[in-house]
């Protein structure tokens, strides 16, 4: 399928020569895992806070990372983020501290929203999710199209820092021989892509990497809330 997509799309130039890169995210949640249960219970409006780094770089206090809010309202997905040094991003999400860096008006709005969520929900680190991504971008005919393939999906609910070198302790929450394919569009999926997906026999499933990682790490009991 990758070769077929090359005929219609462009491989992400932020990755390597093949459009591949790695992603590691530190997710925040409440003590009773509100973000998890909002997803499981199908709430129409939900938000998750995370700190995300791209690539296989070793993270230190000054590494540039994204502090993000991933928000869903009905079927509309929105991602708001600000680029910060790792120390500032963690202090913001874990303690509600205002970053001591210059911010644009838009960045300040994201920071203020993260601080609001921290203070109202008392967010704390909950889970780290890591995976490899192969990404394709739409061309001039499909400018809003993006197709991604995620593999080697692992997570952990201990050692909750992106500075850790203990990635071997992560657990697979999707079989390592499978990909998660995501199609992102502004308006509609192109006909040629619909036909291609039908021919490959892909099955449609709604997957939350955060929720799947928590469940695989046995932090949650099926259908029950829990205490640590």
N, C-alpha and C. Protein backbone atom coordinates (compact mmCIF):
# COMPACT_ATOMS: atom_id res chain seq x y z
N UNK A 1 0.82 -1.21 0.00
CA UNK A 1 0.00 0.00 0.00
C UNK A 1 0.85 1.26 0.00
N UNK A 2 2.03 1.19 0.62
CA UNK A 2 2.89 2.36 0.69
C UNK A 2 3.27 2.84 -0.71
N UNK A 3 3.64 1.89 -1.59
CA UNK A 3 4.01 2.25 -2.95
C UNK A 3 2.84 2.87 -3.69
N UNK A 4 1.63 2.35 -3.45
CA UNK A 4 0.44 2.90 -4.11
C UNK A 4 0.18 4.34 -3.66
N UNK A 5 0.39 4.61 -2.37
CA UNK A 5 0.19 5.97 -1.87
C UNK A 5 1.20 6.95 -2.46
N UNK A 6 2.38 6.45 -2.79
CA UNK A 6 3.40 7.32 -3.38
C UNK A 6 2.93 7.93 -4.71
N UNK A 7 1.98 7.29 -5.36
CA UNK A 7 1.48 7.81 -6.63
C UNK A 7 0.59 9.03 -6.45
N UNK A 8 0.03 9.19 -5.23
CA UNK A 8 -0.93 10.27 -4.99
C UNK A 8 -0.46 11.27 -3.93
N UNK A 9 0.49 10.87 -3.11
CA UNK A 9 0.85 11.69 -1.95
C UNK A 9 2.35 11.88 -1.85
N UNK A 10 2.76 12.72 -0.90
CA UNK A 10 4.16 13.04 -0.67
C UNK A 10 4.54 12.57 0.72
N UNK A 11 5.67 11.90 0.84
CA UNK A 11 6.11 11.45 2.16
C UNK A 11 6.54 12.66 3.00
N UNK A 12 6.22 12.61 4.28
CA UNK A 12 6.48 13.72 5.20
C UNK A 12 7.97 14.07 5.20
N UNK A 13 8.28 15.32 4.87
CA UNK A 13 9.69 15.73 4.81
C UNK A 13 10.29 16.00 6.18
N UNK A 14 9.48 15.90 7.26
CA UNK A 14 10.01 16.04 8.60
C UNK A 14 10.63 14.74 9.11
N UNK A 15 10.38 13.65 8.38
CA UNK A 15 10.94 12.36 8.78
C UNK A 15 12.25 12.08 8.06
N UNK A 16 12.63 10.79 8.01
CA UNK A 16 13.84 10.41 7.29
C UNK A 16 13.53 10.37 5.79
N UNK A 17 14.41 9.75 5.02
CA UNK A 17 14.22 9.72 3.57
C UNK A 17 12.95 8.97 3.16
N UNK A 18 12.41 8.16 4.06
CA UNK A 18 11.20 7.40 3.77
C UNK A 18 9.96 7.99 4.43
N UNK A 19 10.12 9.14 5.10
CA UNK A 19 8.99 9.76 5.77
C UNK A 19 8.70 9.20 7.14
N UNK A 20 9.68 8.53 7.76
CA UNK A 20 9.48 7.88 9.05
C UNK A 20 10.12 8.69 10.18
N UNK A 21 9.49 8.62 11.35
CA UNK A 21 10.05 9.23 12.55
C UNK A 21 9.40 8.60 13.77
N UNK A 22 9.98 8.84 14.93
CA UNK A 22 9.42 8.29 16.16
C UNK A 22 8.73 9.39 16.97
N UNK A 23 7.78 8.98 17.80
CA UNK A 23 7.02 9.89 18.65
C UNK A 23 6.94 9.29 20.04
N UNK A 24 7.21 10.10 21.05
CA UNK A 24 7.03 9.68 22.44
C UNK A 24 6.23 10.76 23.16
N UNK A 25 5.17 10.36 23.87
CA UNK A 25 4.29 11.32 24.54
C UNK A 25 4.10 10.92 26.00
N UNK A 26 4.16 11.91 26.86
CA UNK A 26 3.84 11.76 28.27
C UNK A 26 2.44 12.33 28.49
N UNK A 27 1.48 11.47 28.84
CA UNK A 27 0.09 11.88 29.02
C UNK A 27 -0.18 12.21 30.48
N UNK A 28 -1.06 13.20 30.68
CA UNK A 28 -1.48 13.61 32.01
C UNK A 28 -2.96 13.28 32.19
N UNK A 29 -3.33 12.95 33.43
CA UNK A 29 -4.72 12.63 33.73
C UNK A 29 -4.98 12.93 35.20
N UNK A 30 -6.23 12.77 35.63
CA UNK A 30 -6.59 12.99 37.02
C UNK A 30 -6.29 11.73 37.83
N UNK A 31 -6.44 11.83 39.14
CA UNK A 31 -6.17 10.69 40.00
C UNK A 31 -7.12 9.53 39.72
N UNK A 32 -8.35 9.85 39.24
CA UNK A 32 -9.29 8.78 38.91
C UNK A 32 -9.42 8.58 37.39
N UNK A 33 -8.47 9.10 36.63
CA UNK A 33 -8.34 8.85 35.20
C UNK A 33 -9.56 9.33 34.40
N UNK A 34 -9.87 10.59 34.59
CA UNK A 34 -11.03 11.20 33.91
C UNK A 34 -10.90 11.12 32.39
N UNK A 35 -9.73 11.43 31.85
CA UNK A 35 -9.55 11.41 30.39
C UNK A 35 -9.81 10.02 29.83
N UNK A 36 -9.35 9.00 30.55
CA UNK A 36 -9.60 7.63 30.11
C UNK A 36 -11.10 7.35 30.08
N UNK A 37 -11.79 7.65 31.16
CA UNK A 37 -13.21 7.31 31.24
C UNK A 37 -14.06 8.18 30.32
N UNK A 38 -13.64 9.40 30.07
CA UNK A 38 -14.36 10.24 29.09
C UNK A 38 -14.37 9.56 27.73
N UNK A 39 -13.23 8.96 27.36
CA UNK A 39 -13.14 8.25 26.09
C UNK A 39 -13.98 6.96 26.11
N UNK A 40 -13.82 6.17 27.14
CA UNK A 40 -14.52 4.89 27.23
C UNK A 40 -16.03 5.09 27.24
N UNK A 41 -16.48 6.14 27.94
CA UNK A 41 -17.92 6.40 28.06
C UNK A 41 -18.48 7.22 26.89
N UNK A 42 -17.61 7.60 25.95
CA UNK A 42 -18.06 8.25 24.73
C UNK A 42 -18.52 9.68 24.89
N UNK A 43 -17.91 10.43 25.81
CA UNK A 43 -18.28 11.83 25.97
C UNK A 43 -18.00 12.60 24.68
N UNK A 44 -18.90 13.44 24.28
CA UNK A 44 -18.75 14.17 23.02
C UNK A 44 -17.67 15.23 23.09
N UNK A 45 -17.44 15.80 24.26
CA UNK A 45 -16.39 16.80 24.42
C UNK A 45 -15.37 16.26 25.42
N UNK A 46 -14.13 16.14 24.97
CA UNK A 46 -13.09 15.64 25.86
C UNK A 46 -11.74 16.22 25.47
N UNK A 47 -10.85 16.30 26.46
CA UNK A 47 -9.53 16.87 26.25
C UNK A 47 -8.48 16.02 26.97
N UNK A 48 -7.31 15.94 26.34
CA UNK A 48 -6.16 15.30 26.96
C UNK A 48 -4.97 16.25 26.89
N UNK A 49 -4.17 16.27 27.94
CA UNK A 49 -2.94 17.06 27.99
C UNK A 49 -1.76 16.11 27.89
N UNK A 50 -0.77 16.49 27.09
CA UNK A 50 0.41 15.66 26.95
C UNK A 50 1.63 16.50 26.63
N UNK A 51 2.81 15.93 26.87
CA UNK A 51 4.09 16.50 26.44
C UNK A 51 4.67 15.54 25.43
N UNK A 52 5.04 16.05 24.25
CA UNK A 52 5.43 15.18 23.13
C UNK A 52 6.78 15.58 22.57
N UNK A 53 7.60 14.57 22.26
CA UNK A 53 8.89 14.80 21.61
C UNK A 53 8.95 13.93 20.36
N UNK A 54 9.57 14.46 19.32
CA UNK A 54 9.72 13.76 18.06
C UNK A 54 11.18 13.34 17.87
N UNK A 55 11.37 12.16 17.29
CA UNK A 55 12.72 11.68 17.01
C UNK A 55 13.27 10.85 18.15
N UNK A 56 14.45 10.28 17.93
CA UNK A 56 15.09 9.40 18.91
C UNK A 56 16.11 10.12 19.76
N UNK A 57 16.03 11.44 19.82
CA UNK A 57 16.99 12.23 20.56
C UNK A 57 16.91 11.92 22.06
N UNK A 58 18.05 12.09 22.75
CA UNK A 58 18.08 12.00 24.20
C UNK A 58 17.55 13.30 24.78
N UNK A 59 16.53 13.20 25.62
CA UNK A 59 15.87 14.39 26.14
C UNK A 59 16.60 14.87 27.39
N UNK A 60 16.93 16.18 27.43
CA UNK A 60 17.44 16.80 28.65
C UNK A 60 16.54 17.99 28.99
N UNK A 61 16.90 18.76 29.98
CA UNK A 61 16.02 19.83 30.47
C UNK A 61 15.76 20.90 29.42
N UNK A 62 16.68 21.06 28.45
CA UNK A 62 16.54 22.12 27.45
C UNK A 62 16.02 21.62 26.11
N UNK A 63 15.79 20.33 25.97
CA UNK A 63 15.26 19.79 24.71
C UNK A 63 13.91 20.42 24.40
N UNK A 64 13.73 20.82 23.16
CA UNK A 64 12.47 21.45 22.76
C UNK A 64 11.40 20.37 22.53
N UNK A 65 10.30 20.50 23.24
CA UNK A 65 9.19 19.55 23.16
C UNK A 65 7.90 20.34 23.03
N UNK A 66 6.82 19.64 22.73
CA UNK A 66 5.52 20.28 22.61
C UNK A 66 4.66 19.95 23.84
N UNK A 67 4.12 20.98 24.47
CA UNK A 67 3.04 20.82 25.45
C UNK A 67 1.74 20.98 24.67
N UNK A 68 0.87 19.96 24.73
CA UNK A 68 -0.28 19.92 23.83
C UNK A 68 -1.59 19.66 24.57
N UNK A 69 -2.65 20.15 23.96
CA UNK A 69 -4.02 19.76 24.31
C UNK A 69 -4.62 19.11 23.08
N UNK A 70 -5.04 17.85 23.21
CA UNK A 70 -5.76 17.18 22.13
C UNK A 70 -7.23 17.20 22.51
N UNK A 71 -8.04 17.80 21.68
CA UNK A 71 -9.44 18.06 22.00
C UNK A 71 -10.36 17.48 20.94
N UNK A 72 -11.44 16.88 21.39
CA UNK A 72 -12.46 16.37 20.46
C UNK A 72 -13.82 16.92 20.86
N UNK A 73 -14.54 17.46 19.88
CA UNK A 73 -15.92 17.89 20.05
C UNK A 73 -16.73 17.20 18.97
N UNK A 74 -17.56 16.23 19.38
CA UNK A 74 -18.26 15.37 18.43
C UNK A 74 -17.25 14.70 17.51
N UNK A 75 -17.29 14.95 16.20
CA UNK A 75 -16.35 14.33 15.27
C UNK A 75 -15.18 15.23 14.90
N UNK A 76 -15.14 16.42 15.48
CA UNK A 76 -14.08 17.38 15.16
C UNK A 76 -12.92 17.24 16.13
N UNK A 77 -11.73 17.01 15.59
CA UNK A 77 -10.53 16.84 16.39
C UNK A 77 -9.64 18.07 16.22
N UNK A 78 -9.12 18.57 17.32
CA UNK A 78 -8.26 19.75 17.29
C UNK A 78 -7.06 19.52 18.19
N UNK A 79 -5.91 19.99 17.73
CA UNK A 79 -4.69 19.89 18.53
C UNK A 79 -4.12 21.29 18.70
N UNK A 80 -3.93 21.68 19.97
CA UNK A 80 -3.34 22.99 20.29
C UNK A 80 -2.04 22.74 21.03
N UNK A 81 -0.99 23.44 20.65
CA UNK A 81 0.30 23.15 21.29
C UNK A 81 1.22 24.35 21.30
N UNK A 82 2.23 24.25 22.18
CA UNK A 82 3.25 25.29 22.31
C UNK A 82 4.60 24.59 22.47
N UNK A 83 5.62 25.12 21.79
CA UNK A 83 6.96 24.54 21.84
C UNK A 83 7.73 25.16 23.01
N UNK A 84 8.24 24.31 23.91
CA UNK A 84 8.90 24.76 25.13
C UNK A 84 10.11 23.88 25.44
N UNK A 85 11.06 24.38 26.26
CA UNK A 85 12.07 23.47 26.81
C UNK A 85 11.39 22.42 27.67
N UNK A 86 11.96 21.22 27.71
CA UNK A 86 11.32 20.12 28.44
C UNK A 86 11.03 20.48 29.89
N UNK A 87 11.98 21.13 30.57
CA UNK A 87 11.77 21.48 31.97
C UNK A 87 10.55 22.39 32.13
N UNK A 88 10.36 23.33 31.19
CA UNK A 88 9.24 24.26 31.28
C UNK A 88 7.92 23.56 30.96
N UNK A 89 7.94 22.63 29.99
CA UNK A 89 6.73 21.91 29.63
C UNK A 89 6.24 21.04 30.79
N UNK A 90 7.17 20.35 31.46
CA UNK A 90 6.81 19.50 32.59
C UNK A 90 6.32 20.34 33.77
N UNK A 91 6.99 21.46 34.03
CA UNK A 91 6.56 22.34 35.12
C UNK A 91 5.18 22.90 34.85
N UNK A 92 4.87 23.18 33.58
CA UNK A 92 3.55 23.68 33.21
C UNK A 92 2.48 22.61 33.44
N UNK A 93 2.70 21.41 32.93
CA UNK A 93 1.67 20.37 32.98
C UNK A 93 1.59 19.69 34.34
N UNK A 94 2.70 19.61 35.07
CA UNK A 94 2.72 18.90 36.35
C UNK A 94 2.50 19.80 37.55
N UNK A 95 2.75 21.13 37.38
CA UNK A 95 2.66 22.04 38.51
C UNK A 95 1.90 23.32 38.18
N UNK A 96 1.50 23.50 36.93
CA UNK A 96 0.78 24.70 36.55
C UNK A 96 1.63 25.95 36.50
N UNK A 97 2.95 25.78 36.37
CA UNK A 97 3.84 26.93 36.37
C UNK A 97 3.85 27.64 35.01
N UNK A 98 3.87 28.95 35.05
CA UNK A 98 3.95 29.74 33.82
C UNK A 98 5.36 29.67 33.26
N UNK A 99 5.54 29.30 31.99
CA UNK A 99 6.89 29.24 31.41
C UNK A 99 7.55 30.61 31.38
N UNK A 100 8.82 30.63 31.70
CA UNK A 100 9.57 31.88 31.69
C UNK A 100 10.24 32.06 30.33
N UNK A 101 9.44 32.04 29.30
CA UNK A 101 9.91 32.23 27.93
C UNK A 101 8.94 33.17 27.23
N UNK A 102 9.40 33.78 26.16
CA UNK A 102 8.54 34.69 25.41
C UNK A 102 7.51 33.88 24.63
N UNK A 103 6.25 34.30 24.71
CA UNK A 103 5.16 33.59 24.06
C UNK A 103 4.36 34.52 23.18
N UNK A 104 3.90 33.99 22.06
CA UNK A 104 2.96 34.75 21.23
C UNK A 104 1.59 34.73 21.89
N UNK A 105 0.67 35.50 21.36
CA UNK A 105 -0.68 35.54 21.92
C UNK A 105 -1.34 34.16 21.82
N UNK A 106 -1.16 33.49 20.68
CA UNK A 106 -1.74 32.16 20.50
C UNK A 106 -1.11 31.15 21.46
N UNK A 107 0.19 31.21 21.63
CA UNK A 107 0.88 30.30 22.56
C UNK A 107 0.45 30.57 24.00
N UNK A 108 0.28 31.83 24.34
CA UNK A 108 -0.17 32.17 25.70
C UNK A 108 -1.56 31.59 25.97
N UNK A 109 -2.42 31.58 24.96
CA UNK A 109 -3.76 31.02 25.12
C UNK A 109 -3.69 29.52 25.42
N UNK A 110 -2.78 28.80 24.74
CA UNK A 110 -2.61 27.37 24.99
C UNK A 110 -2.08 27.14 26.41
N UNK A 111 -1.08 27.92 26.79
CA UNK A 111 -0.52 27.79 28.14
C UNK A 111 -1.58 28.06 29.20
N UNK A 112 -2.37 29.10 29.01
CA UNK A 112 -3.42 29.43 29.97
C UNK A 112 -4.44 28.30 30.09
N UNK A 113 -4.77 27.66 28.97
CA UNK A 113 -5.73 26.56 29.01
C UNK A 113 -5.15 25.35 29.73
N UNK A 114 -3.87 25.04 29.49
CA UNK A 114 -3.23 23.93 30.21
C UNK A 114 -3.20 24.22 31.70
N UNK A 115 -2.86 25.45 32.08
CA UNK A 115 -2.84 25.81 33.50
C UNK A 115 -4.22 25.69 34.11
N UNK A 116 -5.25 26.10 33.38
CA UNK A 116 -6.62 25.96 33.86
C UNK A 116 -6.97 24.50 34.11
N UNK A 117 -6.61 23.63 33.15
CA UNK A 117 -6.90 22.21 33.30
C UNK A 117 -6.12 21.61 34.46
N UNK A 118 -4.87 22.04 34.63
CA UNK A 118 -4.08 21.53 35.75
C UNK A 118 -4.73 21.88 37.08
N UNK A 119 -5.09 23.16 37.25
CA UNK A 119 -5.60 23.60 38.55
C UNK A 119 -7.02 23.09 38.83
N UNK A 120 -7.83 22.94 37.79
CA UNK A 120 -9.20 22.47 38.02
C UNK A 120 -9.28 20.95 38.15
N UNK A 121 -8.37 20.23 37.49
CA UNK A 121 -8.41 18.76 37.50
C UNK A 121 -7.30 18.13 38.33
N UNK A 122 -6.30 18.93 38.73
CA UNK A 122 -5.14 18.41 39.46
C UNK A 122 -4.47 17.30 38.66
N UNK A 123 -4.05 17.65 37.45
CA UNK A 123 -3.43 16.69 36.55
C UNK A 123 -2.12 16.17 37.11
N UNK A 124 -1.79 14.95 36.71
CA UNK A 124 -0.51 14.36 37.08
C UNK A 124 -0.09 13.40 35.97
N UNK A 125 1.21 13.07 35.87
CA UNK A 125 1.65 12.12 34.84
C UNK A 125 0.95 10.78 35.00
N UNK A 126 0.51 10.21 33.85
CA UNK A 126 -0.26 8.97 33.91
C UNK A 126 0.32 7.85 33.06
N UNK A 127 0.89 8.17 31.89
CA UNK A 127 1.30 7.11 30.97
C UNK A 127 2.23 7.69 29.92
N UNK A 128 3.18 6.89 29.49
CA UNK A 128 4.04 7.25 28.37
C UNK A 128 3.74 6.30 27.21
N UNK A 129 3.56 6.87 26.02
CA UNK A 129 3.27 6.11 24.81
C UNK A 129 4.33 6.42 23.76
N UNK A 130 4.89 5.39 23.15
CA UNK A 130 5.92 5.55 22.12
C UNK A 130 5.57 4.71 20.90
N UNK A 131 5.91 5.23 19.72
CA UNK A 131 5.68 4.46 18.49
C UNK A 131 6.46 5.07 17.34
N UNK A 132 6.53 4.32 16.23
CA UNK A 132 7.14 4.79 15.00
C UNK A 132 6.03 5.19 14.03
N UNK A 133 6.26 6.24 13.28
CA UNK A 133 5.24 6.73 12.35
C UNK A 133 5.82 6.88 10.95
N UNK A 134 5.04 6.45 9.97
CA UNK A 134 5.30 6.71 8.56
C UNK A 134 4.16 7.59 8.08
N UNK A 135 4.49 8.77 7.54
CA UNK A 135 3.45 9.76 7.24
C UNK A 135 3.50 10.18 5.77
N UNK A 136 2.30 10.37 5.22
CA UNK A 136 2.13 10.85 3.85
C UNK A 136 1.28 12.13 3.89
N UNK A 137 1.67 13.11 3.08
CA UNK A 137 0.93 14.38 2.99
C UNK A 137 0.25 14.47 1.62
N UNK A 138 -0.91 15.12 1.61
CA UNK A 138 -1.62 15.33 0.35
C UNK A 138 -0.86 16.27 -0.57
N UNK A 139 -1.08 16.12 -1.88
CA UNK A 139 -0.44 17.01 -2.85
C UNK A 139 -1.34 18.21 -3.11
N UNK A 140 -1.09 18.93 -4.19
CA UNK A 140 -1.86 20.14 -4.50
C UNK A 140 -3.33 19.85 -4.74
N UNK A 141 -3.66 18.63 -5.14
CA UNK A 141 -5.05 18.27 -5.41
C UNK A 141 -5.80 17.89 -4.13
N UNK A 142 -5.07 17.44 -3.11
CA UNK A 142 -5.67 17.06 -1.84
C UNK A 142 -4.86 17.69 -0.69
N UNK A 143 -4.87 19.02 -0.58
CA UNK A 143 -3.99 19.70 0.38
C UNK A 143 -4.29 19.41 1.84
N UNK A 144 -5.52 19.04 2.18
CA UNK A 144 -5.85 18.78 3.57
C UNK A 144 -5.73 17.33 3.99
N UNK A 145 -5.23 16.49 3.09
CA UNK A 145 -5.17 15.05 3.34
C UNK A 145 -3.87 14.67 4.03
N UNK A 146 -3.97 13.79 5.02
CA UNK A 146 -2.78 13.23 5.68
C UNK A 146 -3.10 11.79 6.06
N UNK A 147 -2.19 10.89 5.72
CA UNK A 147 -2.34 9.47 6.05
C UNK A 147 -1.11 9.03 6.83
N UNK A 148 -1.32 8.41 7.99
CA UNK A 148 -0.19 7.98 8.81
C UNK A 148 -0.33 6.50 9.15
N UNK A 149 0.82 5.84 9.34
CA UNK A 149 0.88 4.44 9.74
C UNK A 149 1.77 4.36 10.98
N UNK A 150 1.19 3.93 12.10
CA UNK A 150 1.93 3.83 13.35
C UNK A 150 2.20 2.38 13.69
N UNK A 151 3.43 2.10 14.09
CA UNK A 151 3.84 0.73 14.42
C UNK A 151 4.74 0.75 15.65
N UNK A 152 5.06 -0.46 16.13
CA UNK A 152 5.91 -0.60 17.32
C UNK A 152 5.33 0.21 18.48
N UNK A 153 4.03 0.06 18.71
CA UNK A 153 3.33 0.85 19.72
C UNK A 153 3.52 0.25 21.11
N UNK A 154 4.17 1.01 21.97
CA UNK A 154 4.46 0.55 23.33
C UNK A 154 4.10 1.63 24.33
N UNK A 155 3.95 1.21 25.59
CA UNK A 155 3.64 2.17 26.64
C UNK A 155 4.14 1.69 27.99
N UNK A 156 4.10 2.59 28.96
CA UNK A 156 4.43 2.23 30.34
C UNK A 156 3.72 3.20 31.29
N UNK A 157 3.49 2.73 32.50
CA UNK A 157 2.83 3.55 33.52
C UNK A 157 3.74 3.73 34.73
N UNK A 158 5.03 3.49 34.54
CA UNK A 158 6.03 3.74 35.57
C UNK A 158 7.13 4.58 34.94
N UNK A 159 8.05 5.10 35.75
CA UNK A 159 9.18 5.86 35.22
C UNK A 159 8.67 6.94 34.26
N UNK A 160 7.76 7.77 34.72
CA UNK A 160 7.02 8.69 33.85
C UNK A 160 7.78 9.98 33.59
N UNK A 161 8.86 9.83 32.85
CA UNK A 161 9.65 10.96 32.39
C UNK A 161 10.19 10.67 31.00
N UNK A 162 10.25 11.67 30.16
CA UNK A 162 10.81 11.49 28.82
C UNK A 162 12.33 11.46 28.85
N UNK A 163 12.91 11.73 30.00
CA UNK A 163 14.38 11.69 30.13
C UNK A 163 14.88 10.29 30.42
N UNK A 164 13.99 9.36 30.65
CA UNK A 164 14.39 8.01 31.00
C UNK A 164 15.05 7.30 29.83
N UNK A 165 16.01 6.44 30.15
CA UNK A 165 16.64 5.59 29.16
C UNK A 165 16.09 4.18 29.20
N UNK A 166 15.08 3.94 30.05
CA UNK A 166 14.57 2.58 30.26
C UNK A 166 13.47 2.19 29.30
N UNK A 167 13.62 2.50 28.01
CA UNK A 167 12.55 2.22 27.07
C UNK A 167 12.33 0.72 26.86
N UNK A 168 13.30 -0.13 27.22
CA UNK A 168 13.12 -1.55 27.06
C UNK A 168 12.05 -2.12 27.97
N UNK A 169 11.64 -1.36 28.98
CA UNK A 169 10.63 -1.82 29.91
C UNK A 169 9.22 -1.50 29.42
N UNK A 170 9.10 -0.84 28.29
CA UNK A 170 7.77 -0.57 27.73
C UNK A 170 7.10 -1.88 27.32
N UNK A 171 5.75 -1.86 27.26
CA UNK A 171 4.99 -3.03 26.85
C UNK A 171 4.23 -2.72 25.57
N UNK A 172 4.21 -3.68 24.65
CA UNK A 172 3.42 -3.52 23.44
C UNK A 172 1.93 -3.52 23.81
N UNK A 173 1.18 -2.54 23.26
CA UNK A 173 -0.27 -2.57 23.45
C UNK A 173 -0.99 -2.81 22.13
N UNK A 174 -0.25 -2.93 21.05
CA UNK A 174 -0.74 -3.42 19.76
C UNK A 174 0.30 -4.41 19.26
N UNK A 175 -0.14 -5.50 18.68
CA UNK A 175 0.80 -6.51 18.20
C UNK A 175 1.87 -5.87 17.31
N UNK A 176 3.15 -6.20 17.50
CA UNK A 176 4.22 -5.55 16.73
C UNK A 176 4.17 -5.81 15.23
N UNK A 177 3.35 -6.75 14.78
CA UNK A 177 3.23 -7.01 13.34
C UNK A 177 2.06 -6.26 12.71
N UNK A 178 1.41 -5.37 13.48
CA UNK A 178 0.28 -4.59 12.98
C UNK A 178 0.60 -3.10 12.93
N UNK A 179 -0.11 -2.40 12.03
CA UNK A 179 -0.06 -0.94 11.94
C UNK A 179 -1.41 -0.35 12.32
N UNK A 180 -1.39 0.84 12.89
CA UNK A 180 -2.60 1.65 13.00
C UNK A 180 -2.53 2.70 11.90
N UNK A 181 -3.48 2.66 11.00
CA UNK A 181 -3.55 3.62 9.89
C UNK A 181 -4.60 4.69 10.24
N UNK A 182 -4.21 5.95 10.12
CA UNK A 182 -5.13 7.05 10.37
C UNK A 182 -5.24 7.91 9.11
N UNK A 183 -6.46 8.27 8.76
CA UNK A 183 -6.72 9.16 7.62
C UNK A 183 -7.31 10.45 8.16
N UNK A 184 -6.65 11.55 7.87
CA UNK A 184 -7.09 12.85 8.37
C UNK A 184 -7.39 13.74 7.16
N UNK A 185 -8.59 14.29 7.13
CA UNK A 185 -9.02 15.14 6.01
C UNK A 185 -9.74 16.35 6.56
N UNK A 186 -9.77 17.42 5.75
CA UNK A 186 -10.53 18.61 6.13
C UNK A 186 -12.02 18.43 5.83
N UNK A 187 -12.33 17.79 4.70
CA UNK A 187 -13.73 17.69 4.29
C UNK A 187 -14.16 16.26 4.00
N UNK A 188 -13.51 15.59 3.06
CA UNK A 188 -13.93 14.25 2.68
C UNK A 188 -12.72 13.44 2.25
N UNK A 189 -12.87 12.11 2.35
CA UNK A 189 -11.81 11.21 1.90
C UNK A 189 -11.89 11.08 0.39
N UNK A 190 -10.79 11.28 -0.34
CA UNK A 190 -10.82 11.16 -1.81
C UNK A 190 -11.28 9.78 -2.24
N UNK A 191 -11.95 9.74 -3.40
CA UNK A 191 -12.49 8.47 -3.90
C UNK A 191 -11.39 7.44 -4.10
N UNK A 192 -10.25 7.86 -4.63
CA UNK A 192 -9.17 6.92 -4.91
C UNK A 192 -8.66 6.26 -3.62
N UNK A 193 -8.66 7.01 -2.52
CA UNK A 193 -8.20 6.45 -1.25
C UNK A 193 -9.24 5.49 -0.68
N UNK A 194 -10.52 5.83 -0.80
CA UNK A 194 -11.58 4.93 -0.37
C UNK A 194 -11.47 3.58 -1.08
N UNK A 195 -11.25 3.62 -2.40
CA UNK A 195 -11.11 2.39 -3.18
C UNK A 195 -9.88 1.60 -2.73
N UNK A 196 -8.79 2.29 -2.48
CA UNK A 196 -7.56 1.63 -2.06
C UNK A 196 -7.75 0.93 -0.71
N UNK A 197 -8.40 1.60 0.22
CA UNK A 197 -8.65 1.02 1.54
C UNK A 197 -9.55 -0.20 1.43
N UNK A 198 -10.58 -0.11 0.60
CA UNK A 198 -11.49 -1.25 0.41
C UNK A 198 -10.76 -2.46 -0.16
N UNK A 199 -9.83 -2.22 -1.06
CA UNK A 199 -9.10 -3.31 -1.70
C UNK A 199 -8.14 -4.01 -0.74
N UNK A 200 -7.65 -3.29 0.25
CA UNK A 200 -6.69 -3.88 1.19
C UNK A 200 -7.38 -4.63 2.32
N UNK A 201 -8.69 -4.43 2.48
CA UNK A 201 -9.42 -5.14 3.53
C UNK A 201 -9.19 -4.59 4.91
N UNK A 202 -8.81 -3.31 5.02
CA UNK A 202 -8.62 -2.69 6.32
C UNK A 202 -9.95 -2.64 7.08
N UNK A 203 -9.90 -2.78 8.39
CA UNK A 203 -11.10 -2.69 9.22
C UNK A 203 -11.10 -1.38 10.00
N UNK A 204 -12.26 -0.75 10.09
CA UNK A 204 -12.40 0.52 10.79
C UNK A 204 -12.58 0.28 12.29
N UNK A 205 -11.67 0.85 13.07
CA UNK A 205 -11.78 0.78 14.52
C UNK A 205 -11.37 2.13 15.11
N UNK A 206 -12.00 2.48 16.21
CA UNK A 206 -11.63 3.71 16.92
C UNK A 206 -10.67 3.32 18.03
N UNK A 207 -9.43 3.82 17.92
CA UNK A 207 -8.38 3.42 18.85
C UNK A 207 -7.82 4.65 19.55
N UNK A 208 -7.79 4.62 20.86
CA UNK A 208 -7.08 5.62 21.65
C UNK A 208 -5.78 4.98 22.12
N UNK A 209 -4.65 5.50 21.66
CA UNK A 209 -3.36 4.92 22.08
C UNK A 209 -3.18 5.05 23.59
N UNK A 210 -3.60 6.17 24.14
CA UNK A 210 -3.49 6.37 25.58
C UNK A 210 -4.29 5.32 26.34
N UNK A 211 -5.55 5.14 25.98
CA UNK A 211 -6.40 4.16 26.66
C UNK A 211 -5.87 2.74 26.48
N UNK A 212 -5.46 2.40 25.27
CA UNK A 212 -4.96 1.06 25.00
C UNK A 212 -3.69 0.77 25.80
N UNK A 213 -2.82 1.77 25.92
CA UNK A 213 -1.60 1.58 26.70
C UNK A 213 -1.91 1.37 28.17
N UNK A 214 -2.84 2.15 28.72
CA UNK A 214 -3.22 1.96 30.12
C UNK A 214 -3.77 0.56 30.37
N UNK A 215 -4.63 0.12 29.47
CA UNK A 215 -5.26 -1.19 29.65
C UNK A 215 -4.23 -2.32 29.56
N UNK A 216 -3.32 -2.21 28.61
CA UNK A 216 -2.32 -3.26 28.44
C UNK A 216 -1.37 -3.31 29.63
N UNK A 217 -1.12 -2.17 30.23
CA UNK A 217 -0.23 -2.13 31.40
C UNK A 217 -0.96 -2.55 32.68
N UNK A 218 -2.22 -2.99 32.52
CA UNK A 218 -3.01 -3.56 33.61
C UNK A 218 -3.24 -2.56 34.74
N UNK A 219 -3.32 -1.28 34.40
CA UNK A 219 -3.67 -0.27 35.39
C UNK A 219 -5.18 -0.23 35.58
N UNK A 220 -5.93 -0.70 34.58
CA UNK A 220 -7.39 -0.66 34.66
C UNK A 220 -7.97 -2.06 34.73
N UNK A 221 -9.01 -2.21 35.52
CA UNK A 221 -9.79 -3.45 35.54
C UNK A 221 -11.00 -3.27 34.65
N UNK A 222 -11.35 -4.26 33.89
CA UNK A 222 -12.43 -4.16 32.93
C UNK A 222 -13.72 -3.70 33.59
N UNK A 223 -14.22 -2.54 33.12
CA UNK A 223 -15.50 -2.03 33.58
C UNK A 223 -15.50 -1.49 35.00
N UNK A 224 -14.33 -1.32 35.62
CA UNK A 224 -14.28 -0.86 37.00
C UNK A 224 -13.32 0.30 37.14
N UNK A 225 -13.63 1.21 38.07
CA UNK A 225 -12.64 2.21 38.43
C UNK A 225 -11.72 1.56 39.47
N UNK A 226 -10.59 2.18 39.74
CA UNK A 226 -9.57 1.49 40.49
C UNK A 226 -8.82 2.49 41.34
N UNK A 227 -8.01 1.98 42.23
CA UNK A 227 -7.09 2.81 43.01
C UNK A 227 -5.69 2.24 42.84
N UNK A 228 -4.71 3.10 42.93
CA UNK A 228 -3.33 2.64 42.77
C UNK A 228 -2.83 1.99 44.08
